[in-house]
Amino acid sequence: MGRMDGEMQRIAIMQEYGWTYEQFQNTPHYVIALIIEKMKRDRKRQELASKKT
């Protein structure tokens, strides 16, 4: 998937959690930051797993 800019991160989060734009906007910034960090770690874990096989 590669690096995502801010707009693509918003869309990915909204899609993953089934949120509307308003729900995204009303979510505290620290929660969004945690979700982004989790997405990065999950992606890295997937990349490492695919290299092992």
PDB file of N, CA and C in Angstrom:
ATOM      1  N   MET A   1       0.834  -1.191   0.000  1.00  0.00           N
ATOM      2  CA  MET A   1       0.000   0.000   0.000  1.00  0.00           C
ATOM      3  C   MET A   1       0.869   1.241   0.000  1.00  0.00           C
ATOM      4  N   GLY A   2       2.025   1.177   0.599  1.00  0.00           N
ATOM      5  CA  GLY A   2       2.908   2.318   0.589  1.00  0.00           C
ATOM      6  C   GLY A   2       2.481   3.400   1.566  1.00  0.00           C
ATOM      7  N   ARG A   3       3.160   4.510   1.489  1.00  0.00           N
ATOM      8  CA  ARG A   3       2.872   5.629   2.376  1.00  0.00           C
ATOM      9  C   ARG A   3       1.577   6.326   1.988  1.00  0.00           C
ATOM     10  N   MET A   4       0.803   6.717   2.993  1.00  0.00           N
ATOM     11  CA  MET A   4      -0.452   7.400   2.712  1.00  0.00           C
ATOM     12  C   MET A   4      -0.365   8.834   3.198  1.00  0.00           C
ATOM     13  N   ASP A   5      -0.880   9.745   2.404  1.00  0.00           N
ATOM     14  CA  ASP A   5      -0.960  11.113   2.886  1.00  0.00           C
ATOM     15  C   ASP A   5      -2.162  11.240   3.815  1.00  0.00           C
ATOM     16  N   GLY A   6      -2.342  12.413   4.417  1.00  0.00           N
ATOM     17  CA  GLY A   6      -3.399  12.616   5.400  1.00  0.00           C
ATOM     18  C   GLY A   6      -4.785  12.304   4.887  1.00  0.00           C
ATOM     19  N   GLU A   7      -5.085  12.708   3.671  1.00  0.00           N
ATOM     20  CA  GLU A   7      -6.412  12.455   3.105  1.00  0.00           C
ATOM     21  C   GLU A   7      -6.665  10.964   2.943  1.00  0.00           C
ATOM     22  N   MET A   8      -5.676  10.248   2.457  1.00  0.00           N
ATOM     23  CA  MET A   8      -5.848   8.807   2.264  1.00  0.00           C
ATOM     24  C   MET A   8      -5.942   8.090   3.610  1.00  0.00           C
ATOM     25  N   GLN A   9      -5.226   8.573   4.615  1.00  0.00           N
ATOM     26  CA  GLN A   9      -5.348   7.987   5.951  1.00  0.00           C
ATOM     27  C   GLN A   9      -6.767   8.163   6.469  1.00  0.00           C
ATOM     28  N   ARG A  10      -7.339   9.342   6.294  1.00  0.00           N
ATOM     29  CA  ARG A  10      -8.719   9.586   6.742  1.00  0.00           C
ATOM     30  C   ARG A  10      -9.678   8.617   6.072  1.00  0.00           C
ATOM     31  N   ILE A  11      -9.553   8.496   4.772  1.00  0.00           N
ATOM     32  CA  ILE A  11     -10.439   7.614   4.016  1.00  0.00           C
ATOM     33  C   ILE A  11     -10.266   6.164   4.473  1.00  0.00           C
ATOM     34  N   ALA A  12      -9.020   5.734   4.661  1.00  0.00           N
ATOM     35  CA  ALA A  12      -8.762   4.353   5.089  1.00  0.00           C
ATOM     36  C   ALA A  12      -9.374   4.081   6.459  1.00  0.00           C
ATOM     37  N   ILE A  13      -9.247   5.032   7.372  1.00  0.00           N
ATOM     38  CA  ILE A  13      -9.823   4.863   8.709  1.00  0.00           C
ATOM     39  C   ILE A  13     -11.341   4.827   8.627  1.00  0.00           C
ATOM     40  N   MET A  14     -11.922   5.749   7.894  1.00  0.00           N
ATOM     41  CA  MET A  14     -13.377   5.787   7.762  1.00  0.00           C
ATOM     42  C   MET A  14     -13.889   4.484   7.154  1.00  0.00           C
ATOM     43  N   GLN A  15     -13.193   3.981   6.145  1.00  0.00           N
ATOM     44  CA  GLN A  15     -13.595   2.731   5.499  1.00  0.00           C
ATOM     45  C   GLN A  15     -13.449   1.553   6.459  1.00  0.00           C
ATOM     46  N   GLU A  16     -12.329   1.473   7.151  1.00  0.00           N
ATOM     47  CA  GLU A  16     -12.059   0.359   8.061  1.00  0.00           C
ATOM     48  C   GLU A  16     -13.066   0.291   9.208  1.00  0.00           C
ATOM     49  N   TYR A  17     -13.443   1.439   9.745  1.00  0.00           N
ATOM     50  CA  TYR A  17     -14.323   1.476  10.908  1.00  0.00           C
ATOM     51  C   TYR A  17     -15.775   1.774  10.553  1.00  0.00           C
ATOM     52  N   GLY A  18     -16.054   2.000   9.290  1.00  0.00           N
ATOM     53  CA  GLY A  18     -17.424   2.279   8.873  1.00  0.00           C
ATOM     54  C   GLY A  18     -17.934   3.619   9.382  1.00  0.00           C
ATOM     55  N   TRP A  19     -17.014   4.575   9.549  1.00  0.00           N
ATOM     56  CA  TRP A  19     -17.370   5.888  10.074  1.00  0.00           C
ATOM     57  C   TRP A  19     -17.780   6.840   8.967  1.00  0.00           C
ATOM     58  N   THR A  20     -18.663   7.754   9.317  1.00  0.00           N
ATOM     59  CA  THR A  20     -18.957   8.887   8.439  1.00  0.00           C
ATOM     60  C   THR A  20     -17.871   9.940   8.669  1.00  0.00           C
ATOM     61  N   TYR A  21     -17.860  10.952   7.822  1.00  0.00           N
ATOM     62  CA  TYR A  21     -16.907  12.043   7.994  1.00  0.00           C
ATOM     63  C   TYR A  21     -17.115  12.720   9.347  1.00  0.00           C
ATOM     64  N   GLU A  22     -18.361  12.891   9.735  1.00  0.00           N
ATOM     65  CA  GLU A  22     -18.674  13.541  11.012  1.00  0.00           C
ATOM     66  C   GLU A  22     -18.170  12.714  12.192  1.00  0.00           C
ATOM     67  N   GLN A  23     -18.321  11.392  12.107  1.00  0.00           N
ATOM     68  CA  GLN A  23     -17.810  10.535  13.172  1.00  0.00           C
ATOM     69  C   GLN A  23     -16.292  10.639  13.265  1.00  0.00           C
ATOM     70  N   PHE A  24     -15.653  10.675  12.113  1.00  0.00           N
ATOM     71  CA  PHE A  24     -14.199  10.826  12.097  1.00  0.00           C
ATOM     72  C   PHE A  24     -13.810  12.151  12.751  1.00  0.00           C
ATOM     73  N   GLN A  25     -14.470  13.212  12.365  1.00  0.00           N
ATOM     74  CA  GLN A  25     -14.162  14.548  12.891  1.00  0.00           C
ATOM     75  C   GLN A  25     -14.396  14.631  14.399  1.00  0.00           C
ATOM     76  N   ASN A  26     -15.355  13.885  14.913  1.00  0.00           N
ATOM     77  CA  ASN A  26     -15.678  13.932  16.328  1.00  0.00           C
ATOM     78  C   ASN A  26     -14.821  12.993  17.180  1.00  0.00           C
ATOM     79  N   THR A  27     -13.973  12.216  16.543  1.00  0.00           N
ATOM     80  CA  THR A  27     -13.092  11.307  17.265  1.00  0.00           C
ATOM     81  C   THR A  27     -11.873  12.085  17.760  1.00  0.00           C
ATOM     82  N   PRO A  28     -11.517  11.924  19.040  1.00  0.00           N
ATOM     83  CA  PRO A  28     -10.357  12.650  19.566  1.00  0.00           C
ATOM     84  C   PRO A  28      -9.086  12.377  18.752  1.00  0.00           C
ATOM     85  N   HIS A  29      -8.269  13.399  18.628  1.00  0.00           N
ATOM     86  CA  HIS A  29      -7.038  13.299  17.837  1.00  0.00           C
ATOM     87  C   HIS A  29      -6.142  12.154  18.311  1.00  0.00           C
ATOM     88  N   TYR A  30      -6.042  11.964  19.630  1.00  0.00           N
ATOM     89  CA  TYR A  30      -5.149  10.912  20.117  1.00  0.00           C
ATOM     90  C   TYR A  30      -5.630   9.526  19.680  1.00  0.00           C
ATOM     91  N   VAL A  31      -6.946   9.346  19.529  1.00  0.00           N
ATOM     92  CA  VAL A  31      -7.472   8.057  19.062  1.00  0.00           C
ATOM     93  C   VAL A  31      -7.096   7.845  17.601  1.00  0.00           C
ATOM     94  N   ILE A  32      -7.248   8.889  16.796  1.00  0.00           N
ATOM     95  CA  ILE A  32      -6.864   8.801  15.383  1.00  0.00           C
ATOM     96  C   ILE A  32      -5.373   8.483  15.270  1.00  0.00           C
ATOM     97  N   ALA A  33      -4.552   9.141  16.087  1.00  0.00           N
ATOM     98  CA  ALA A  33      -3.108   8.883  16.066  1.00  0.00           C
ATOM     99  C   ALA A  33      -2.803   7.429  16.421  1.00  0.00           C
ATOM    100  N   LEU A  34      -3.513   6.878  17.398  1.00  0.00           N
ATOM    101  CA  LEU A  34      -3.315   5.477  17.771  1.00  0.00           C
ATOM    102  C   LEU A  34      -3.729   4.534  16.645  1.00  0.00           C
ATOM    103  N   ILE A  35      -4.834   4.853  15.979  1.00  0.00           N
ATOM    104  CA  ILE A  35      -5.292   4.023  14.859  1.00  0.00           C
ATOM    105  C   ILE A  35      -4.256   4.033  13.740  1.00  0.00           C
ATOM    106  N   ILE A  36      -3.717   5.211  13.420  1.00  0.00           N
ATOM    107  CA  ILE A  36      -2.704   5.317  12.371  1.00  0.00           C
ATOM    108  C   ILE A  36      -1.472   4.509  12.741  1.00  0.00           C
ATOM    109  N   GLU A  37      -1.044   4.607  13.988  1.00  0.00           N
ATOM    110  CA  GLU A  37       0.120   3.825  14.438  1.00  0.00           C
ATOM    111  C   GLU A  37      -0.164   2.332  14.331  1.00  0.00           C
ATOM    112  N   LYS A  38      -1.364   1.906  14.707  1.00  0.00           N
ATOM    113  CA  LYS A  38      -1.726   0.495  14.597  1.00  0.00           C
ATOM    114  C   LYS A  38      -1.710   0.041  13.139  1.00  0.00           C
ATOM    115  N   MET A  39      -2.228   0.863  12.253  1.00  0.00           N
ATOM    116  CA  MET A  39      -2.236   0.525  10.826  1.00  0.00           C
ATOM    117  C   MET A  39      -0.808   0.349  10.310  1.00  0.00           C
ATOM    118  N   LYS A  40       0.094   1.231  10.736  1.00  0.00           N
ATOM    119  CA  LYS A  40       1.495   1.140  10.317  1.00  0.00           C
ATOM    120  C   LYS A  40       2.132  -0.142  10.829  1.00  0.00           C
ATOM    121  N   ARG A  41       1.879  -0.458  12.097  1.00  0.00           N
ATOM    122  CA  ARG A  41       2.468  -1.670  12.677  1.00  0.00           C
ATOM    123  C   ARG A  41       1.898  -2.923  12.031  1.00  0.00           C
ATOM    124  N   ASP A  42       0.599  -2.935  11.783  1.00  0.00           N
ATOM    125  CA  ASP A  42      -0.018  -4.084  11.124  1.00  0.00           C
ATOM    126  C   ASP A  42       0.563  -4.287   9.732  1.00  0.00           C
ATOM    127  N   ARG A  43       0.738  -3.188   8.999  1.00  0.00           N
ATOM    128  CA  ARG A  43       1.299  -3.270   7.648  1.00  0.00           C
ATOM    129  C   ARG A  43       2.729  -3.799   7.700  1.00  0.00           C
ATOM    130  N   LYS A  44       3.521  -3.327   8.670  1.00  0.00           N
ATOM    131  CA  LYS A  44       4.901  -3.784   8.808  1.00  0.00           C
ATOM    132  C   LYS A  44       4.937  -5.274   9.155  1.00  0.00           C
ATOM    133  N   ARG A  45       4.034  -5.699  10.054  1.00  0.00           N
ATOM    134  CA  ARG A  45       3.961  -7.114  10.434  1.00  0.00           C
ATOM    135  C   ARG A  45       3.615  -7.976   9.221  1.00  0.00           C
ATOM    136  N   GLN A  46       2.692  -7.506   8.392  1.00  0.00           N
ATOM    137  CA  GLN A  46       2.314  -8.248   7.182  1.00  0.00           C
ATOM    138  C   GLN A  46       3.487  -8.343   6.215  1.00  0.00           C
ATOM    139  N   GLU A  47       4.223  -7.233   6.073  1.00  0.00           N
ATOM    140  CA  GLU A  47       5.388  -7.233   5.170  1.00  0.00           C
ATOM    141  C   GLU A  47       6.427  -8.238   5.645  1.00  0.00           C
ATOM    142  N   LEU A  48       6.689  -8.244   6.949  1.00  0.00           N
ATOM    143  CA  LEU A  48       7.690  -9.191   7.488  1.00  0.00           C
ATOM    144  C   LEU A  48       7.223 -10.633   7.328  1.00  0.00           C
ATOM    145  N   ALA A  49       5.938 -10.882   7.553  1.00  0.00           N
ATOM    146  CA  ALA A  49       5.399 -12.234   7.412  1.00  0.00           C
ATOM    147  C   ALA A  49       5.490 -12.712   5.966  1.00  0.00           C
ATOM    148  N   SER A  50       5.239 -11.814   5.027  1.00  0.00           N
ATOM    149  CA  SER A  50       5.289 -12.225   3.623  1.00  0.00           C
ATOM    150  C   SER A  50       6.718 -12.490   3.167  1.00  0.00           C
ATOM    151  N   LYS A  51       7.700 -11.871   3.799  1.00  0.00           N
ATOM    152  CA  LYS A  51       9.094 -12.118   3.455  1.00  0.00           C
ATOM    153  C   LYS A  51       9.576 -13.453   3.988  1.00  0.00           C
ATOM    154  N   LYS A  52       8.950 -13.929   5.065  1.00  0.00           N
ATOM    155  CA  LYS A  52       9.350 -15.198   5.662  1.00  0.00           C
ATOM    156  C   LYS A  52       8.881 -16.390   4.844  1.00  0.00           C
ATOM    157  N   THR A  53       7.833 -16.196   4.064  1.00  0.00           N
ATOM    158  CA  THR A  53       7.291 -17.328   3.307  1.00  0.00           C
ATOM    159  C   THR A  53       7.859 -17.389   1.917  1.00  0.00           C
TER     160      THR A  53
END
